[in-house]
Protein backbone atom coordinates (compact mmCIF):
# COMPACT_ATOMS: atom_id res chain seq x y z
CA MET A 1 5.84 22.13 -3.31
CA LEU A 2 4.41 19.89 -0.32
CA THR A 3 1.22 22.07 0.54
CA SER A 4 0.26 22.96 -3.62
CA SER A 5 -0.45 20.97 -6.54
CA PRO A 6 2.29 21.66 -9.34
CA PHE A 7 0.17 20.98 -11.84
CA ALA A 8 -2.68 23.75 -10.45
CA GLU A 9 0.51 26.40 -10.47
CA LEU A 10 1.14 25.34 -14.14
CA SER A 11 -2.02 26.22 -15.54
CA ALA A 12 -1.24 29.75 -15.55
CA SER A 13 0.97 28.27 -18.58
CA PHE A 14 -1.17 25.89 -20.00
CA SER A 15 -4.73 25.18 -19.96
CA PRO A 16 -6.15 22.01 -17.97
CA ALA A 17 -7.43 21.11 -20.58
CA VAL A 18 -4.21 20.38 -22.23
CA MET A 19 -2.94 18.49 -18.85
CA GLN A 20 -5.78 16.37 -19.16
CA THR A 21 -5.04 15.72 -22.80
CA TYR A 22 -1.51 14.69 -22.40
CA ILE A 23 -2.47 12.32 -19.53
CA VAL A 24 -5.36 10.47 -21.90
CA ILE A 25 -2.36 10.09 -24.37
CA MET A 26 -0.04 8.68 -22.55
CA ILE A 27 -3.30 6.01 -20.88
CA LEU A 28 -4.27 5.52 -24.56
CA LEU A 29 -0.18 4.70 -25.45
CA VAL A 30 0.08 2.24 -22.65
CA ALA A 31 -3.26 0.42 -23.09
CA GLY A 32 -1.55 0.54 -27.35
CA GLY A 33 1.61 -0.36 -26.16
CA THR A 34 0.82 -3.45 -24.08
CA LEU A 35 -1.43 -4.91 -26.76
CA PHE A 36 1.29 -4.05 -29.00
CA ASP A 37 3.53 -6.36 -27.06
CA ILE A 38 0.73 -9.06 -25.92
CA ILE A 39 0.82 -9.37 -29.81
CA HIS A 40 3.84 -8.96 -30.80
CA LYS A 41 5.45 -11.69 -28.52
CA LYS A 42 2.15 -13.82 -28.71
CA SER A 43 2.38 -14.15 -24.94
CA ALA A 44 -1.60 -13.97 -24.75
CA LYS A 45 -1.81 -17.06 -27.42
CA TYR A 46 0.67 -18.75 -25.69
CA PHE A 47 -0.91 -18.43 -22.11
CA PHE A 48 -4.45 -19.29 -22.87
CA GLN A 49 -3.26 -22.41 -24.66
CA ASN A 50 -0.90 -23.31 -22.15
CA TRP A 51 -4.29 -22.74 -19.90
CA ARG A 52 -6.42 -24.86 -22.44
CA ASN A 53 -3.53 -27.86 -22.25
CA SER A 54 -3.85 -27.13 -18.25
CA LYS A 55 -7.64 -28.16 -18.46
CA LYS A 56 -7.54 -30.74 -21.02
CA LYS A 57 -4.70 -32.55 -18.61
CA ALA A 58 -6.22 -31.67 -14.91
CA LYS A 59 -6.30 -34.77 -12.50
CA GLN A 60 -9.00 -33.20 -10.81
CA ASP A 61 -11.76 -29.95 -11.04
CA VAL A 62 -10.90 -26.96 -8.94
CA GLY A 63 -14.10 -25.26 -8.35
CA GLY A 64 -15.46 -21.80 -7.99
CA GLY A 65 -14.77 -21.29 -4.56
CA GLU A 66 -11.14 -22.97 -4.60
CA MET A 67 -10.63 -20.67 -8.26
CA ILE A 68 -11.88 -17.58 -6.13
CA SER A 69 -9.07 -18.37 -3.33
CA ILE A 70 -6.88 -18.99 -5.70
CA ALA A 71 -7.15 -15.48 -7.35
CA VAL A 72 -7.42 -13.85 -3.71
CA LYS A 73 -3.81 -15.66 -2.83
CA THR A 74 -2.17 -14.33 -6.48
CA ALA A 75 -3.25 -11.37 -5.70
CA VAL A 76 -2.51 -10.98 -1.87
CA ILE A 77 0.97 -13.34 -1.94
CA ASP A 78 2.14 -13.40 -5.94
CA VAL A 79 0.78 -8.81 -6.71
CA ALA A 80 0.07 -6.66 -3.37
CA THR A 81 3.56 -8.71 -1.84
CA SER A 82 5.63 -10.17 -4.69
CA ALA A 83 6.45 -13.25 -3.31
CA GLU A 84 8.18 -14.37 -6.60
CA PHE A 85 11.21 -12.74 -5.68
CA CYS A 86 13.56 -14.57 -3.34
CA ASN A 87 15.93 -11.74 -2.56
CA GLN A 88 15.06 -9.70 -0.45
CA LYS A 89 16.55 -6.50 -1.31
CA ARG A 90 15.21 -7.38 -4.82
CA ARG A 91 11.47 -7.48 -2.90
CA LEU A 92 11.28 -4.31 -0.94
CA ALA A 93 12.86 -2.45 -4.30
CA HIS A 94 10.82 -3.62 -6.39
CA LEU A 95 7.84 -2.97 -4.38
CA LEU A 96 9.23 0.19 -3.39
CA THR A 97 9.11 1.76 -6.80
CA MET A 98 5.72 -0.76 -7.65
CA TYR A 99 3.81 1.15 -4.70
CA GLY A 100 5.66 4.42 -5.24
CA PHE A 101 4.38 4.67 -8.92
CA LEU A 102 0.92 3.84 -7.83
CA ILE A 103 0.63 6.75 -5.66
CA TYR A 104 2.57 8.87 -7.55
CA VAL A 105 -0.21 8.56 -10.61
CA ILE A 106 -3.23 8.23 -8.92
CA THR A 107 -2.45 11.23 -7.20
CA THR A 108 -1.10 13.19 -10.49
CA CYS A 109 -4.66 11.90 -12.26
CA ILE A 110 -6.68 13.35 -9.49
CA MET A 111 -4.71 16.98 -9.15
CA VAL A 112 -4.88 17.00 -13.21
CA PHE A 113 -8.42 16.32 -13.70
CA GLN A 114 -10.30 17.20 -10.03
CA TYR A 115 -8.17 19.92 -8.60
CA PRO A 116 -6.54 21.60 -12.08
CA THR A 117 -5.99 25.29 -11.26
CA PRO A 118 -5.21 27.52 -8.01
CA SER A 119 -9.03 28.55 -7.83
CA THR A 120 -9.57 24.74 -6.72
CA PRO A 121 -6.92 24.06 -4.34
CA ALA A 122 -6.22 20.47 -3.48
CA PRO A 123 -6.12 18.82 -0.26
CA ALA A 124 -2.16 18.97 1.24
CA ILE A 125 -2.49 15.33 1.48
CA LEU A 126 -2.46 15.09 -2.61
CA PRO A 127 0.87 16.89 -3.35
CA GLN A 128 2.77 15.36 -0.30
CA LEU A 129 1.27 11.98 -1.54
CA TRP A 130 2.69 12.70 -4.75
CA THR A 131 5.77 13.49 -3.35
CA ILE A 132 5.90 10.51 -0.89
CA GLY A 133 5.62 8.31 -4.14
CA ALA A 134 7.63 10.09 -6.25
CA LEU A 135 10.68 9.47 -3.68
CA MET A 136 9.86 6.27 -3.36
CA VAL A 137 9.68 5.13 -7.37
CA CYS A 138 13.45 6.97 -6.89
CA LEU A 139 14.86 5.17 -3.94
CA GLY A 140 13.67 1.33 -5.11
CA GLY A 141 14.60 2.69 -8.90
CA TYR A 142 18.11 3.82 -8.04
CA TRP A 143 18.80 1.10 -5.43
CA PHE A 144 17.98 -1.43 -7.80
CA TRP A 145 19.72 0.09 -10.76
CA PHE A 146 22.96 0.82 -8.87
CA PHE A 147 22.92 -2.42 -6.33
CA ILE A 148 20.66 -5.09 -6.68
CA ARG A 149 20.66 -5.82 -10.56
CA VAL A 150 22.72 -9.42 -11.44
CA ASP A 151 25.02 -7.32 -14.03
CA VAL A 152 26.33 -5.17 -11.26
CA PHE A 153 25.91 -7.29 -8.35
CA ALA A 154 26.91 -10.81 -9.35
CA GLU A 155 28.90 -9.73 -13.29
CA GLY A 156 30.53 -6.67 -12.21
CA HIS A 157 29.76 -4.80 -15.26
CA SER A 158 29.24 -1.37 -14.70
CA PRO A 159 26.44 0.29 -13.13
CA PHE A 160 25.78 2.45 -16.19
CA ARG A 161 25.47 -0.56 -18.71
CA PHE A 162 22.63 0.24 -20.54
CA VAL A 163 20.47 -2.95 -22.60
CA GLN A 164 17.27 -2.66 -23.94
CA ALA A 165 15.68 -4.73 -20.43
CA ASP A 166 16.47 -1.67 -18.71
CA ILE A 167 14.39 0.92 -20.94
CA PHE A 168 11.71 0.81 -17.78
CA ILE A 169 13.03 1.20 -14.91
CA VAL A 170 15.83 3.85 -16.51
CA SER A 171 12.90 5.91 -18.16
CA LEU A 172 10.47 5.58 -15.45
CA THR A 173 13.27 6.63 -12.55
CA LEU A 174 14.59 9.42 -14.93
CA SER A 175 11.02 10.75 -15.31
CA VAL A 176 10.14 10.65 -12.09
CA THR A 177 13.50 12.59 -10.74
CA LEU A 178 12.32 15.29 -13.37
CA GLY A 179 9.28 15.85 -12.34
CA LEU A 180 10.56 16.37 -8.43
CA ILE A 181 12.85 18.38 -10.27
CA TRP A 182 10.35 20.44 -12.29
CA ALA A 183 7.94 20.98 -8.97
CA TYR A 184 10.80 22.30 -6.77
CA THR A 185 12.06 25.15 -9.41
CA GLN A 186 8.13 25.70 -10.53
CA SER A 187 7.54 25.97 -6.16
CA LYS A 188 11.04 28.51 -5.82
CA GLY A 189 10.09 30.38 -8.95
CA TYR A 190 14.05 29.13 -10.54
CA SER A 191 14.34 29.98 -13.80
CA CYS A 192 14.67 26.57 -14.99
CA LYS A 193 11.78 25.67 -14.43
CA ASP A 194 10.64 25.27 -18.36
CA ILE A 195 13.53 23.61 -18.59
CA MET A 196 13.12 21.01 -16.59
CA LEU A 197 9.04 20.52 -17.33
CA GLY A 198 9.92 19.75 -20.97
CA LEU A 199 13.00 17.16 -19.64
CA TYR A 200 10.04 16.07 -17.60
CA LEU A 201 7.82 16.06 -20.00
CA LEU A 202 9.98 13.98 -22.47
CA THR A 203 11.34 11.65 -20.48
CA THR A 204 7.48 10.98 -19.33
CA THR A 205 6.73 10.33 -23.75
CA PHE A 206 9.59 8.03 -23.78
CA LEU A 207 8.35 6.42 -20.56
CA PHE A 208 4.81 5.21 -22.20
CA VAL A 209 5.79 5.53 -25.88
CA SER A 210 8.52 2.73 -25.18
CA ILE A 211 6.32 -0.09 -23.63
CA PRO A 212 6.67 -1.87 -26.76
CA TRP A 213 10.19 -2.60 -26.02
CA SER A 214 10.49 -2.31 -22.49
CA LYS A 215 9.10 -4.27 -19.53
CA PHE A 216 6.03 -2.08 -18.73
CA SER A 217 4.00 -4.66 -19.76
CA HIS A 218 4.82 -7.56 -17.65
CA MET A 219 3.38 -5.82 -14.43
CA PHE A 220 -0.04 -6.64 -16.88
CA PHE A 221 1.23 -10.64 -17.76
CA LYS A 222 3.04 -11.84 -14.52
CA PRO A 223 -0.50 -11.73 -12.37
CA ALA A 224 -1.89 -14.01 -15.51
CA ALA A 225 1.08 -16.18 -15.41
CA ALA A 226 1.04 -16.65 -11.30
CA PHE A 227 -2.53 -17.30 -11.21
CA GLU A 228 -2.25 -20.07 -14.37
CA LYS A 229 0.82 -21.90 -12.41
CA ARG A 230 -1.94 -21.79 -8.83
CA VAL A 231 -4.47 -23.35 -10.97
CA SER A 232 -2.29 -26.04 -13.01
CA GLU A 233 -0.82 -27.07 -9.35
CA ALA A 234 -4.47 -27.19 -8.13
CA ASN A 235 -5.40 -29.03 -10.73
CA GLY A 236 -2.96 -31.52 -10.30
CA THR A 237 -0.81 -30.94 -14.03
CA ARG A 238 2.24 -28.71 -13.98
CA SER A 239 2.95 -25.30 -15.53
CA ASN A 240 5.12 -24.41 -18.64
CA LEU A 241 5.43 -20.98 -17.53
CA PRO A 242 8.24 -19.57 -15.35
CA VAL A 243 7.96 -20.99 -11.31
CA PRO A 244 8.47 -18.07 -9.16
CA ASP A 245 12.05 -17.44 -7.54
CA ASP A 246 10.67 -18.95 -4.11
CA LYS A 247 12.14 -22.26 -4.24
CA PRO A 248 15.76 -22.50 -4.48
CA LYS A 249 17.57 -23.33 -7.58
CA THR A 250 21.03 -25.51 -8.38
CA LEU A 251 23.37 -25.19 -10.85
CA GLY A 252 21.34 -27.91 -12.96
CA ASP A 253 18.37 -27.06 -11.82
CA PRO A 254 16.57 -26.49 -15.33
CA ARG A 255 14.89 -23.63 -13.98
CA ARG A 256 17.75 -21.87 -13.52
CA GLN A 257 18.25 -18.97 -16.22
CA PRO A 258 20.00 -15.48 -15.97
CA ASN A 259 17.94 -12.44 -15.52
CA ASN A 260 18.61 -8.94 -14.87
CA TYR A 261 15.97 -8.44 -12.98
């Protein structure tokens, strides 16, 4: 499991073209679901309207060099290190899940498209990274789900309480967990490997099909919102977009809003 690609072993039952087509369909579902979510919730319209208003009310110009600097700060601080989270446990869980998911997805694509069969064995580092990425997602996802969620930690609800906002984290964690179980049962030759594969594909498909109703598209909108906020601060206007959680909120602060995440 740690030295060979589980997808290469799967080629004995399925053509590599089937696996590759499946991944392409999932990518199209991400693009289509995100566009639908943006149009349905009018987040893009709101963003560009707010951007235009900010430019009209600007008290000072923001030059090209400063704009690049702001973009770099947004990428490094707001995206790469998730600085909007003031709760360090939430921040760490988010980073584990985010980077684990990136490692998991990238290595999956490389193994399926570049090393689809045992005749073209993948370097041992790829299945190892795939496993590490999956374990990071599980660690961050389960830690968040059972111990960090606001409705569990602060409000005392059952950790098994499920609402629409939980679709993404639940489907992602289950998909990756079942992926690990499938890879293990396949490497050991257990008879339940086909069942695990079916469950893995089912939860993975649901993860991407449910994008219009989950928080998946937030990973694309939040960097844009953080960038707009930094630009509006630089040009002297105040943004109407949500303020990151890097500043303490008092009970009377209008920025204080209930958020399960």
